C-alpha atoms as a PDB file:
ATOM      1  CA  MET A   1      -2.916 -22.400  11.688  1.00  0.00           C
ATOM      2  CA  SER A   2      -5.439 -19.544  11.578  1.00  0.00           C
ATOM      3  CA  VAL A   3      -5.955 -18.009   8.136  1.00  0.00           C
ATOM      4  CA  ALA A   4      -8.102 -14.981   7.259  1.00  0.00           C
ATOM      5  CA  GLY A   5      -9.193 -13.485   3.963  1.00  0.00           C
ATOM      6  CA  VAL A   6      -8.536  -9.806   3.270  1.00  0.00           C
ATOM      7  CA  LEU A   7     -10.153  -7.845   0.443  1.00  0.00           C
ATOM      8  CA  LEU A   8      -8.453  -4.531  -0.334  1.00  0.00           C
ATOM      9  CA  ALA A   9     -11.018  -1.988  -1.519  1.00  0.00           C
ATOM     10  CA  ALA A  10      -9.613   1.381  -0.464  1.00  0.00           C
ATOM     11  CA  GLY A  11      -8.112   2.880  -3.623  1.00  0.00           C
ATOM     12  CA  GLY A  12      -9.336   5.928  -5.472  1.00  0.00           C
ATOM     13  CA  GLY A  13      -9.744   4.228  -8.850  1.00  0.00           C
ATOM     14  CA  THR A  14      -8.528   7.333 -10.660  1.00  0.00           C
ATOM     15  CA  ARG A  15      -8.143   5.612 -14.045  1.00  0.00           C
ATOM     16  CA  PHE A  16     -11.856   4.812 -14.164  1.00  0.00           C
ATOM     17  CA  ALA A  17     -13.656   7.577 -16.073  1.00  0.00           C
ATOM     18  CA  GLY A  18     -17.191   6.462 -15.278  1.00  0.00           C
ATOM     19  CA  ASP A  19     -20.125   8.016 -13.443  1.00  0.00           C
ATOM     20  CA  THR A  20     -19.212   6.249 -10.210  1.00  0.00           C
ATOM     21  CA  HIS A  21     -16.259   4.632  -8.482  1.00  0.00           C
ATOM     22  CA  LYS A  22     -15.195   1.485 -10.320  1.00  0.00           C
ATOM     23  CA  LEU A  23     -15.992  -0.784  -7.377  1.00  0.00           C
ATOM     24  CA  LEU A  24     -19.593   0.458  -7.382  1.00  0.00           C
ATOM     25  CA  ALA A  25     -20.026   0.087 -11.146  1.00  0.00           C
ATOM     26  CA  PRO A  26     -22.509  -2.562 -12.333  1.00  0.00           C
ATOM     27  CA  LEU A  27     -21.123  -5.787 -13.753  1.00  0.00           C
ATOM     28  CA  GLY A  28     -23.525  -8.516 -14.798  1.00  0.00           C
ATOM     29  CA  GLY A  29     -26.298  -7.313 -12.506  1.00  0.00           C
ATOM     30  CA  ARG A  30     -24.113  -6.838  -9.441  1.00  0.00           C
ATOM     31  CA  ARG A  31     -21.492  -4.263  -8.493  1.00  0.00           C
ATOM     32  CA  VAL A  32     -17.834  -5.065  -9.061  1.00  0.00           C
ATOM     33  CA  VAL A  33     -17.082  -5.121  -5.327  1.00  0.00           C
ATOM     34  CA  ASP A  34     -19.978  -7.491  -4.644  1.00  0.00           C
ATOM     35  CA  HIS A  35     -18.583 -10.083  -7.062  1.00  0.00           C
ATOM     36  CA  SER A  36     -15.227  -9.922  -5.291  1.00  0.00           C
ATOM     37  CA  LEU A  37     -16.769 -10.054  -1.840  1.00  0.00           C
ATOM     38  CA  ALA A  38     -18.951 -13.026  -2.769  1.00  0.00           C
ATOM     39  CA  ALA A  39     -15.879 -15.037  -3.753  1.00  0.00           C
ATOM     40  CA  VAL A  40     -13.921 -14.418  -0.562  1.00  0.00           C
ATOM     41  CA  LEU A  41     -16.963 -15.035   1.635  1.00  0.00           C
ATOM     42  CA  ALA A  42     -17.637 -18.306  -0.186  1.00  0.00           C
ATOM     43  CA  ALA A  43     -14.089 -19.523   0.373  1.00  0.00           C
ATOM     44  CA  GLY A  44     -14.798 -20.642   3.930  1.00  0.00           C
ATOM     45  CA  PHE A  45     -12.568 -18.350   5.999  1.00  0.00           C
ATOM     46  CA  ASP A  46     -13.485 -17.961   9.659  1.00  0.00           C
ATOM     47  CA  ARG A  47     -12.708 -14.257   9.365  1.00  0.00           C
ATOM     48  CA  VAL A  48     -12.741 -11.839   6.444  1.00  0.00           C
ATOM     49  CA  LEU A  49     -11.623  -8.204   6.508  1.00  0.00           C
ATOM     50  CA  VAL A  50     -12.587  -5.637   3.887  1.00  0.00           C
ATOM     51  CA  VAL A  51     -10.349  -2.566   3.871  1.00  0.00           C
ATOM     52  CA  ALA A  52     -12.285   0.446   2.573  1.00  0.00           C
ATOM     53  CA  GLY A  53     -11.138   4.004   2.049  1.00  0.00           C
ATOM     54  CA  ALA A  54     -11.860   6.280  -0.876  1.00  0.00           C
ATOM     55  CA  VAL A  55     -15.557   5.495  -1.181  1.00  0.00           C
ATOM     56  CA  GLY A  56     -18.318   4.075   0.982  1.00  0.00           C
ATOM     57  CA  LEU A  57     -18.998   0.537  -0.179  1.00  0.00           C
ATOM     58  CA  ASP A  58     -22.442  -0.160   1.331  1.00  0.00           C
ATOM     59  CA  LEU A  59     -21.606  -3.836   1.065  1.00  0.00           C
ATOM     60  CA  GLU A  60     -24.174  -6.316  -0.182  1.00  0.00           C
ATOM     61  CA  LEU A  61     -24.183  -9.156   2.323  1.00  0.00           C
ATOM     62  CA  ASP A  62     -27.156 -11.174   1.032  1.00  0.00           C
ATOM     63  CA  LEU A  63     -24.998 -13.096  -1.414  1.00  0.00           C
ATOM     64  CA  ASP A  64     -25.614 -16.468  -3.006  1.00  0.00           C
ATOM     65  CA  PRO A  65     -23.614 -19.116  -1.099  1.00  0.00           C
ATOM     66  CA  ASP A  66     -21.083 -21.287  -2.850  1.00  0.00           C
ATOM     67  CA  PRO A  67     -22.113 -24.951  -2.422  1.00  0.00           C
ATOM     68  CA  ASP A  68     -18.430 -25.848  -1.955  1.00  0.00           C
ATOM     69  CA  ALA A  69     -17.915 -23.371   0.888  1.00  0.00           C
ATOM     70  CA  ALA A  70     -16.882 -24.690   4.267  1.00  0.00           C
ATOM     71  CA  ALA A  71     -19.593 -24.966   6.896  1.00  0.00           C
ATOM     72  CA  GLY A  72     -19.973 -22.204   9.447  1.00  0.00           C
ATOM     73  CA  ALA A  73     -20.558 -18.492   9.280  1.00  0.00           C
ATOM     74  CA  THR A  74     -17.767 -16.155   8.258  1.00  0.00           C
ATOM     75  CA  ARG A  75     -17.150 -13.230  10.580  1.00  0.00           C
ATOM     76  CA  LEU A  76     -16.900 -10.151   8.367  1.00  0.00           C
ATOM     77  CA  ALA A  77     -15.197  -6.938   9.455  1.00  0.00           C
ATOM     78  CA  VAL A  78     -14.836  -3.671   7.562  1.00  0.00           C
ATOM     79  CA  ALA A  79     -12.004  -1.270   8.390  1.00  0.00           C
ATOM     80  CA  ASP A  80     -11.595   2.219   6.989  1.00  0.00           C
ATOM     81  CA  ASN A  81      -8.106   3.239   5.890  1.00  0.00           C
ATOM     82  CA  PRO A  82      -7.739   7.010   6.320  1.00  0.00           C
ATOM     83  CA  ASP A  83      -4.332   6.861   4.613  1.00  0.00           C
ATOM     84  CA  TRP A  84      -5.546   5.143   1.435  1.00  0.00           C
ATOM     85  CA  ALA A  85      -4.172   7.947  -0.768  1.00  0.00           C
ATOM     86  CA  ASP A  86      -0.638   6.977   0.333  1.00  0.00           C
ATOM     87  CA  GLY A  87      -0.890   3.695  -1.540  1.00  0.00           C
ATOM     88  CA  ILE A  88      -2.066   0.127  -1.242  1.00  0.00           C
ATOM     89  CA  ALA A  89       0.749  -0.668   1.190  1.00  0.00           C
ATOM     90  CA  THR A  90      -1.094   1.331   3.864  1.00  0.00           C
ATOM     91  CA  SER A  91      -4.137  -0.912   3.452  1.00  0.00           C
ATOM     92  CA  LEU A  92      -1.931  -3.963   3.731  1.00  0.00           C
ATOM     93  CA  GLN A  93      -0.394  -2.621   6.939  1.00  0.00           C
ATOM     94  CA  LEU A  94      -3.860  -2.005   8.357  1.00  0.00           C
ATOM     95  CA  ALA A  95      -4.805  -5.595   7.502  1.00  0.00           C
ATOM     96  CA  VAL A  96      -1.688  -6.971   9.181  1.00  0.00           C
ATOM     97  CA  ALA A  97      -2.373  -4.923  12.318  1.00  0.00           C
ATOM     98  CA  TRP A  98      -5.926  -6.308  12.376  1.00  0.00           C
ATOM     99  CA  ALA A  99      -4.574  -9.840  11.959  1.00  0.00           C
ATOM    100  CA  ARG A 100      -2.114  -9.381  14.820  1.00  0.00           C
ATOM    101  CA  GLY A 101      -4.934  -8.104  16.997  1.00  0.00           C
ATOM    102  CA  HIS A 102      -6.904 -11.289  16.345  1.00  0.00           C
ATOM    103  CA  ASP A 103      -3.867 -13.549  16.844  1.00  0.00           C
ATOM    104  CA  LEU A 104      -3.998 -14.819  13.259  1.00  0.00           C
ATOM    105  CA  ASP A 105      -1.154 -16.590  11.485  1.00  0.00           C
ATOM    106  CA  VAL A 106      -1.830 -15.868   7.807  1.00  0.00           C
ATOM    107  CA  VAL A 107      -3.667 -13.301   5.700  1.00  0.00           C
ATOM    108  CA  VAL A 108      -4.745 -14.176   2.174  1.00  0.00           C
ATOM    109  CA  VAL A 109      -5.015 -10.863   0.347  1.00  0.00           C
ATOM    110  CA  GLY A 110      -6.962 -10.064  -2.809  1.00  0.00           C
ATOM    111  CA  LEU A 111      -8.144  -6.973  -4.644  1.00  0.00           C
ATOM    112  CA  ALA A 112     -11.746  -5.817  -4.888  1.00  0.00           C
ATOM    113  CA  ASP A 113     -11.302  -4.693  -8.496  1.00  0.00           C
ATOM    114  CA  GLN A 114     -10.632  -8.286  -9.619  1.00  0.00           C
ATOM    115  CA  PRO A 115     -14.189  -9.659  -9.700  1.00  0.00           C
ATOM    116  CA  PHE A 116     -13.373 -12.832 -11.634  1.00  0.00           C
ATOM    117  CA  VAL A 117     -11.073 -14.314  -8.996  1.00  0.00           C
ATOM    118  CA  THR A 118     -12.958 -17.355  -7.737  1.00  0.00           C
ATOM    119  CA  ALA A 119     -13.648 -18.836  -4.328  1.00  0.00           C
ATOM    120  CA  GLN A 120     -11.523 -21.789  -5.478  1.00  0.00           C
ATOM    121  CA  ALA A 121      -8.528 -19.482  -5.888  1.00  0.00           C
ATOM    122  CA  TRP A 122      -8.964 -18.091  -2.372  1.00  0.00           C
ATOM    123  CA  ARG A 123      -9.284 -21.618  -0.972  1.00  0.00           C
ATOM    124  CA  ALA A 124      -6.285 -22.915  -2.902  1.00  0.00           C
ATOM    125  CA  VAL A 125      -3.977 -20.192  -1.592  1.00  0.00           C
ATOM    126  CA  ALA A 126      -5.287 -20.633   1.955  1.00  0.00           C
ATOM    127  CA  GLY A 127      -4.796 -24.386   1.638  1.00  0.00           C
ATOM    128  CA  HIS A 128      -1.057 -23.935   1.245  1.00  0.00           C
ATOM    129  CA  PHE A 129      -0.983 -22.915   4.903  1.00  0.00           C
ATOM    130  CA  ALA A 130      -3.781 -25.001   6.365  1.00  0.00           C
ATOM    131  CA  ALA A 131      -4.583 -28.106   4.288  1.00  0.00           C
ATOM    132  CA  GLY A 132      -3.087 -31.490   5.088  1.00  0.00           C
ATOM    133  CA  PRO A 133      -0.590 -32.828   7.617  1.00  0.00           C
ATOM    134  CA  ASP A 134       2.386 -31.182   5.889  1.00  0.00           C
ATOM    135  CA  ALA A 135       0.874 -27.668   5.871  1.00  0.00           C
ATOM    136  CA  ALA A 136       3.083 -26.388   8.693  1.00  0.00           C
ATOM    137  CA  GLY A 137       6.209 -27.496   6.864  1.00  0.00           C
ATOM    138  CA  ARG A 138       5.063 -25.886   3.627  1.00  0.00           C
ATOM    139  CA  ALA A 139       4.265 -22.642   5.408  1.00  0.00           C
ATOM    140  CA  ALA A 140       7.649 -22.583   7.143  1.00  0.00           C
ATOM    141  CA  ALA A 141       9.555 -23.175   3.907  1.00  0.00           C
ATOM    142  CA  HIS A 142       7.385 -20.851   1.808  1.00  0.00           C
ATOM    143  CA  PRO A 143       5.589 -18.259   3.964  1.00  0.00           C
ATOM    144  CA  ILE A 144       4.299 -16.537   0.820  1.00  0.00           C
ATOM    145  CA  ALA A 145       1.799 -18.266  -1.484  1.00  0.00           C
ATOM    146  CA  VAL A 146       0.976 -16.647  -4.818  1.00  0.00           C
ATOM    147  CA  ALA A 147      -1.986 -17.575  -7.000  1.00  0.00           C
ATOM    148  CA  HIS A 148      -0.939 -18.495 -10.534  1.00  0.00           C
ATOM    149  CA  TYR A 149      -3.177 -18.532 -13.591  1.00  0.00           C
ATOM    150  CA  ASP A 150      -1.822 -20.514 -16.526  1.00  0.00           C
ATOM    151  CA  GLY A 151       1.618 -20.098 -14.996  1.00  0.00           C
ATOM    152  CA  ARG A 152       1.358 -16.343 -14.442  1.00  0.00           C
ATOM    153  CA  PRO A 153       1.336 -14.837 -10.930  1.00  0.00           C
ATOM    154  CA  GLY A 154      -1.700 -12.954  -9.689  1.00  0.00           C
ATOM    155  CA  ASN A 155      -3.956 -12.555  -6.678  1.00  0.00           C
ATOM    156  CA  PRO A 156      -4.774 -13.555  -4.020  1.00  0.00           C
ATOM    157  CA  VAL A 157      -1.474 -13.757  -2.184  1.00  0.00           C
ATOM    158  CA  GLY A 158      -1.050 -15.543   1.132  1.00  0.00           C
ATOM    159  CA  LEU A 159       1.304 -13.952   3.652  1.00  0.00           C
ATOM    160  CA  GLY A 160       2.456 -15.810   6.741  1.00  0.00           C
ATOM    161  CA  ARG A 161       3.254 -13.977   9.953  1.00  0.00           C
ATOM    162  CA  ALA A 162       6.985 -14.571   9.363  1.00  0.00           C
ATOM    163  CA  VAL A 163       7.017 -12.002   6.527  1.00  0.00           C
ATOM    164  CA  TRP A 164       4.642  -9.373   7.873  1.00  0.00           C
ATOM    165  CA  ASP A 165       7.464  -7.189   9.178  1.00  0.00           C
ATOM    166  CA  ASP A 166       9.011  -7.179   5.694  1.00  0.00           C
ATOM    167  CA  LEU A 167       5.981  -5.654   3.959  1.00  0.00           C
ATOM    168  CA  PRO A 168       6.266  -2.048   2.720  1.00  0.00           C
ATOM    169  CA  SER A 169       4.632   0.628   4.844  1.00  0.00           C
ATOM    170  CA  ALA A 170       3.710   3.003   2.006  1.00  0.00           C
ATOM    171  CA  GLY A 171       3.526   3.123  -1.755  1.00  0.00           C
ATOM    172  CA  GLY A 172       1.571   1.511  -4.536  1.00  0.00           C
ATOM    173  CA  GLU A 173       3.108  -1.947  -4.702  1.00  0.00           C
ATOM    174  CA  GLY A 174       1.821  -3.737  -1.627  1.00  0.00           C
ATOM    175  CA  ALA A 175       2.981  -7.340  -1.411  1.00  0.00           C
ATOM    176  CA  ARG A 176       4.356  -7.385  -4.965  1.00  0.00           C
ATOM    177  CA  LEU A 177       7.620  -5.798  -3.863  1.00  0.00           C
ATOM    178  CA  LEU A 178       8.211  -8.565  -1.328  1.00  0.00           C
ATOM    179  CA  VAL A 179       7.212 -11.281  -3.806  1.00  0.00           C
ATOM    180  CA  ARG A 180       9.709  -9.986  -6.352  1.00  0.00           C
ATOM    181  CA  SER A 181      12.545  -9.485  -3.889  1.00  0.00           C
ATOM    182  CA  ARG A 182      12.189 -12.828  -2.064  1.00  0.00           C
ATOM    183  CA  PRO A 183      11.220 -15.437  -4.682  1.00  0.00           C
ATOM    184  CA  GLU A 184      12.755 -18.217  -2.599  1.00  0.00           C
ATOM    185  CA  LEU A 185      10.006 -17.667  -0.013  1.00  0.00           C
ATOM    186  CA  CYS A 186       7.183 -17.993  -2.528  1.00  0.00           C
ATOM    187  CA  ALA A 187       5.059 -20.997  -3.465  1.00  0.00           C
ATOM    188  CA  ALA A 188       3.157 -20.925  -6.760  1.00  0.00           C
ATOM    189  CA  ILE A 189      -0.456 -22.065  -6.360  1.00  0.00           C
ATOM    190  CA  ALA A 190      -2.348 -23.120  -9.491  1.00  0.00           C
ATOM    191  CA  CYS A 191      -5.793 -21.489  -9.523  1.00  0.00           C
ATOM    192  CA  ASP A 192      -8.929 -21.346 -11.622  1.00  0.00           C
ATOM    193  CA  GLY A 193     -10.559 -18.098 -12.676  1.00  0.00           C
ATOM    194  CA  ASP A 194      -9.339 -14.873 -14.210  1.00  0.00           C
ATOM    195  CA  PRO A 195      -7.325 -12.223 -12.328  1.00  0.00           C
ATOM    196  CA  SER A 196      -8.234  -9.391 -14.722  1.00  0.00           C
ATOM    197  CA  ASP A 197      -8.606  -5.945 -13.157  1.00  0.00           C
ATOM    198  CA  ILE A 198     -11.424  -3.510 -13.733  1.00  0.00           C
ATOM    199  CA  ASP A 199      -9.296  -0.367 -13.942  1.00  0.00           C
ATOM    200  CA  THR A 200     -10.958   1.617 -16.724  1.00  0.00           C
ATOM    201  CA  ALA A 201     -14.422   2.133 -18.171  1.00  0.00           C
ATOM    202  CA  GLU A 202     -13.227   0.208 -21.218  1.00  0.00           C
ATOM    203  CA  ASP A 203     -12.362  -2.770 -19.016  1.00  0.00           C
ATOM    204  CA  LEU A 204     -15.913  -2.715 -17.679  1.00  0.00           C
ATOM    205  CA  ARG A 205     -17.476  -2.483 -21.144  1.00  0.00           C
ATOM    206  CA  ARG A 206     -15.387  -5.437 -22.270  1.00  0.00           C
ATOM    207  CA  TRP A 207     -16.956  -7.656 -19.616  1.00  0.00           C
ATOM    208  CA  ASN A 208     -20.523  -6.300 -19.594  1.00  0.00           C
END
């Protein structure tokens, strides 16, 4: 089963009252978006898509490798979402269209403003669909896999092809609406890390 990582980085970040877009703000010597990108690239996906929109990201690709990452180079693509102002669902639809075009089975979707989500979390969610001899059965029974941190749901979220047509086409909820409305399709995946968002300048100060 082919699984790709998707990092959503298109939003306007209007709650962030800083001198720059929140994804470009410095956090521990690296920009917020670069922390998030490093984690998904280290997770070992064959393909990763970054969905950009409101701001040019000028992505840093010379990132320290994770020693636990799978062997082989990740193929990274960046897609611009011209409809980003219509909500995160438009970025998700763009990602699904990209996945269909590459004949992929699953997208594991995370947010670029959550820089403390780890490569382990990305791998754990992907593993629901691809790890072990019973992966196909798990994916058929639960085509949605949701990262959980100390029992609380967060990102990333894995979405099998069976539910792509059920995703919203516009609005600010993205996959959350589907997760809430179809809990019987969801598997909870225990993950390490912290899914905290960087939404405001105060959030950034708290971590710097």
